[in-house]
Protein backbone atom coordinates (compact mmCIF):
# COMPACT_ATOMS: atom_id res chain seq x y z
CA MET A 1 -31.60 7.62 16.09
CA ARG A 2 -32.76 4.16 17.25
CA LEU A 3 -36.25 5.49 17.47
CA ASP A 4 -35.95 6.69 13.83
CA ILE A 5 -34.55 3.44 12.58
CA SER A 6 -37.18 1.30 14.25
CA ALA A 7 -40.02 3.49 13.29
CA HIS A 8 -38.90 3.91 9.69
CA ALA A 9 -37.49 0.52 8.95
CA PRO A 10 -39.91 -0.30 6.06
CA THR A 11 -39.24 3.16 4.54
CA LEU A 12 -35.45 2.64 4.66
CA GLN A 13 -35.81 -0.73 3.13
CA THR A 14 -37.91 0.84 0.33
CA PHE A 15 -35.43 3.51 -0.09
CA ALA A 16 -32.66 0.97 -0.53
CA VAL A 17 -34.55 -0.72 -3.33
CA VAL A 18 -35.19 2.55 -5.04
CA VAL A 19 -31.42 3.34 -4.98
CA LEU A 20 -30.90 -0.07 -6.47
CA ILE A 21 -33.47 0.45 -9.18
CA PHE A 22 -32.12 3.88 -10.12
CA ILE A 23 -28.58 2.67 -10.41
CA THR A 24 -29.74 -0.49 -12.35
CA MET A 25 -31.79 1.60 -14.78
CA ASN A 26 -29.00 4.06 -15.25
CA ILE A 27 -26.58 1.23 -16.15
CA ALA A 28 -29.10 -0.40 -18.46
CA VAL A 29 -29.69 2.85 -20.37
CA ASN A 30 -26.07 4.32 -20.40
CA GLY A 31 -23.84 1.26 -20.11
CA GLY A 32 -20.28 2.11 -18.92
CA GLU A 33 -21.17 5.68 -18.43
CA GLY A 34 -23.92 4.60 -15.98
CA ILE A 35 -21.38 2.47 -14.06
CA ALA A 36 -19.15 5.54 -13.84
CA TYR A 37 -21.84 7.76 -12.20
CA SER A 38 -23.53 5.22 -9.93
CA PRO A 39 -22.11 7.00 -6.80
CA VAL A 40 -23.60 10.26 -8.05
CA ILE A 41 -27.00 8.59 -8.52
CA ALA A 42 -26.71 6.99 -5.01
CA ALA A 43 -25.90 10.33 -3.40
CA THR A 44 -28.43 12.54 -5.07
CA THR A 45 -31.33 10.04 -4.31
CA THR A 46 -30.87 10.82 -0.62
CA MET A 47 -32.17 14.39 -1.31
CA PHE A 48 -35.79 12.90 -1.38
CA LEU A 49 -35.52 11.03 1.99
CA PRO A 50 -36.07 13.79 4.61
CA SER A 51 -39.42 14.91 3.14
CA ARG A 52 -40.61 11.32 3.05
CA LEU A 53 -39.59 10.65 6.72
CA PHE A 54 -41.39 13.74 7.94
CA ALA A 55 -44.47 12.81 6.00
CA ILE A 56 -44.59 9.35 7.77
CA ASP A 57 -43.97 11.06 11.10
CA GLU A 58 -47.06 13.22 10.79
CA ARG A 59 -49.27 10.50 9.22
CA SER A 60 -48.36 8.01 11.91
CA ASN A 61 -48.39 10.50 14.80
CA LEU A 62 -44.69 9.70 15.51
CA THR A 63 -44.09 13.42 16.35
CA THR A 64 -46.63 13.01 19.25
CA LEU A 65 -44.93 9.77 20.35
CA GLY A 66 -41.56 11.56 20.45
CA GLU A 67 -43.14 14.15 22.92
CA ILE A 68 -44.40 11.30 25.19
CA LEU A 69 -41.09 9.38 25.29
CA PRO A 70 -38.29 10.53 27.71
CA ILE A 71 -36.28 12.02 24.92
CA THR A 72 -35.41 15.66 24.23
CA ARG A 73 -36.09 17.49 21.03
CA SER A 74 -32.49 18.13 20.66
CA ARG A 75 -31.66 14.36 20.50
CA ILE A 76 -34.60 13.85 18.09
CA VAL A 77 -33.09 16.39 15.66
CA ALA A 78 -29.71 15.02 16.14
CA GLY A 79 -30.74 11.54 15.50
CA ARG A 80 -32.64 12.49 12.36
CA HIS A 81 -29.62 14.31 10.93
CA LEU A 82 -27.40 11.35 11.82
CA LEU A 83 -29.66 9.00 10.16
CA ILE A 84 -29.65 11.02 6.88
CA ALA A 85 -25.87 11.08 7.03
CA LEU A 86 -25.66 7.32 7.54
CA VAL A 87 -28.12 6.57 4.81
CA ALA A 88 -26.29 8.90 2.43
CA ALA A 89 -22.95 7.15 3.41
CA ALA A 90 -24.42 3.73 2.90
CA SER A 91 -25.91 4.66 -0.57
CA ILE A 92 -22.63 6.12 -1.68
CA LEU A 93 -20.63 3.08 -0.56
CA PHE A 94 -22.96 0.93 -2.60
CA GLY A 95 -22.44 3.29 -5.55
CA LEU A 96 -18.73 3.09 -5.09
CA ALA A 97 -18.84 -0.67 -5.02
CA VAL A 98 -20.67 -0.67 -8.33
CA LEU A 99 -18.09 1.77 -9.68
CA PHE A 100 -14.98 -0.12 -8.62
CA GLY A 101 -16.63 -3.42 -9.54
CA GLY A 102 -17.42 -2.11 -12.98
CA HIS A 103 -13.87 -0.92 -13.57
CA ALA A 104 -12.55 -4.31 -12.34
CA LEU A 105 -14.92 -6.54 -14.33
CA PHE A 106 -15.50 -4.40 -17.42
CA PRO A 107 -12.34 -2.45 -17.90
CA GLY A 108 -13.12 -1.69 -21.58
CA GLU A 109 -16.53 -0.58 -20.98
CA VAL A 110 -16.13 2.24 -18.45
CA ASP A 111 -14.55 5.12 -20.42
CA THR A 112 -14.89 7.80 -17.77
CA PRO A 113 -11.71 8.15 -15.66
CA LEU A 114 -11.99 7.11 -12.08
CA ARG A 115 -10.92 10.51 -10.88
CA GLU A 116 -13.81 12.18 -12.80
CA SER A 117 -16.36 9.74 -11.28
CA LEU A 118 -15.05 10.57 -7.81
CA GLY A 119 -15.15 14.26 -8.69
CA GLY A 120 -18.80 13.98 -9.60
CA LEU A 121 -19.44 12.23 -6.37
CA ALA A 122 -17.81 15.06 -4.44
CA VAL A 123 -20.21 17.56 -6.15
CA ALA A 124 -23.22 15.40 -5.69
CA LEU A 125 -22.46 14.78 -1.91
CA LEU A 126 -22.01 18.48 -1.23
CA VAL A 127 -25.24 19.49 -3.23
CA THR A 128 -27.26 16.67 -1.55
CA CYS A 129 -26.20 17.79 1.96
CA LEU A 130 -27.01 21.44 1.15
CA VAL A 131 -30.43 20.48 -0.18
CA CYS A 132 -31.18 18.30 3.03
CA GLY A 133 -29.60 20.92 5.23
CA ILE A 134 -32.01 23.63 3.89
CA GLN A 135 -35.02 21.35 3.91
CA MET A 136 -34.86 20.06 7.45
CA PRO A 137 -34.99 23.32 9.39
CA PHE A 138 -38.18 24.22 7.61
CA LEU A 139 -39.70 20.77 8.16
CA TYR A 140 -38.95 20.93 11.86
CA ALA A 141 -40.20 24.51 12.13
CA LEU A 142 -43.48 24.08 10.13
CA GLY A 143 -44.06 20.44 9.65
CA HIS A 144 -44.41 18.40 6.55
CA ALA A 145 -47.98 19.38 5.85
CA ARG A 146 -47.05 23.03 5.35
CA THR A 147 -43.72 22.58 3.67
CA GLY A 148 -43.55 19.06 2.20
CA MET A 149 -44.54 19.87 -1.33
CA TRP A 150 -42.55 23.07 -1.31
CA ALA A 151 -39.49 21.17 -0.05
CA LEU A 152 -39.86 18.56 -2.77
CA GLY A 153 -40.50 21.25 -5.46
CA ALA A 154 -37.35 23.15 -4.27
CA THR A 155 -35.32 20.01 -4.62
CA MET A 156 -36.51 19.43 -8.15
CA VAL A 157 -35.85 23.06 -9.01
CA ALA A 158 -32.44 22.77 -7.53
CA ILE A 159 -31.58 19.72 -9.57
CA PHE A 160 -32.90 20.59 -12.97
CA GLY A 161 -32.38 24.38 -12.62
CA GLY A 162 -28.75 23.81 -11.68
CA VAL A 163 -28.20 21.46 -14.59
CA ALA A 164 -29.88 23.87 -17.02
CA LEU A 165 -27.77 26.76 -15.68
CA LEU A 166 -24.54 24.90 -16.02
CA LYS A 167 -25.35 23.97 -19.63
CA GLN A 168 -25.41 27.71 -20.42
CA PHE A 169 -21.68 27.94 -19.32
CA PRO A 170 -19.79 24.93 -20.88
CA ASP A 171 -16.41 26.57 -19.99
CA ALA A 172 -17.47 26.71 -16.37
CA ILE A 173 -18.33 23.02 -16.43
CA THR A 174 -14.86 22.22 -17.80
CA SER A 175 -13.24 24.27 -15.08
CA MET A 176 -15.35 22.72 -12.31
CA THR A 177 -14.66 19.25 -13.67
CA GLU A 178 -10.90 19.94 -13.39
CA ILE A 179 -11.22 21.29 -9.88
CA PHE A 180 -13.44 18.51 -8.55
CA ALA A 181 -11.28 15.90 -10.18
CA THR A 182 -8.32 16.75 -8.00
CA PRO A 183 -7.39 14.29 -5.19
CA TRP A 184 -8.47 16.67 -2.35
CA ALA A 185 -11.87 17.56 -3.69
CA LEU A 186 -13.69 14.61 -2.22
CA PRO A 187 -12.35 14.85 1.31
CA VAL A 188 -13.00 18.69 1.29
CA CYS A 189 -16.52 18.05 0.04
CA ILE A 190 -17.14 15.40 2.72
CA ALA A 191 -15.94 17.85 5.37
CA GLY A 192 -18.17 20.51 3.87
CA ALA A 193 -21.19 18.22 3.87
CA LEU A 194 -20.71 17.38 7.54
CA VAL A 195 -20.44 21.08 8.47
CA VAL A 196 -23.65 21.76 6.52
CA LEU A 197 -25.57 18.95 8.30
CA ALA A 198 -24.16 20.15 11.63
CA LEU A 199 -25.38 23.72 11.05
CA SER A 200 -28.70 22.39 9.96
CA ALA A 201 -29.01 20.41 13.11
CA ILE A 202 -28.30 23.44 15.23
CA VAL A 203 -30.80 25.65 13.33
CA SER A 204 -33.40 22.75 13.45
CA THR A 205 -32.97 22.33 17.14
CA VAL A 206 -33.63 26.11 17.85
CA LEU A 207 -36.66 26.00 15.53
CA TYR A 208 -38.08 22.79 16.84
CA ARG A 209 -37.84 23.85 20.52
CA GLY A 210 -39.98 26.79 19.73
CA ARG A 211 -42.61 24.87 17.80
CA ASP A 212 -45.99 24.29 19.45
CA LEU A 213 -47.04 20.68 18.81
């Protein structure tokens, strides 16, 4: 993971700025509602990070460098998955800081109950890890040049298609909101997200070991 952090430090800094801009714009447009869903924005933005990292790997020949260094492919895969998990966690913590800060500083402006905001975060976290977990085995097996745009397109379809589908079933949205607003929803989704990333790392390792670079 240290190799990833040092090689992608500028990208990670840019990503932090992007998360900040997205949350700020959301608050500027939606006011208190934007504050309420800052953790959701922070979590879902992480979906776009894996494709970007793999694109830089290929453009900068970092994949070749990884083959030269005394480090196994298993450790490379594990480090990348751990980096994604840590970035997601850091983004969510920032979003939570905005959420709790908004409730403390502007109690009359944030109409959405805190439990609903945390329920939205639970869904966003699980969906984000599912998207990343599906993307990364393909990126390790085929490389960004062959799967990058498909991975990005699939992410966009998953986001907008999922929203459009849910709008067709308003009763289902109400039921899901009630389920994910329960106290146990967020811990369960965190556990599920970690399981998804662990399975993704296992599959990615198998595929990456068989790839001819």
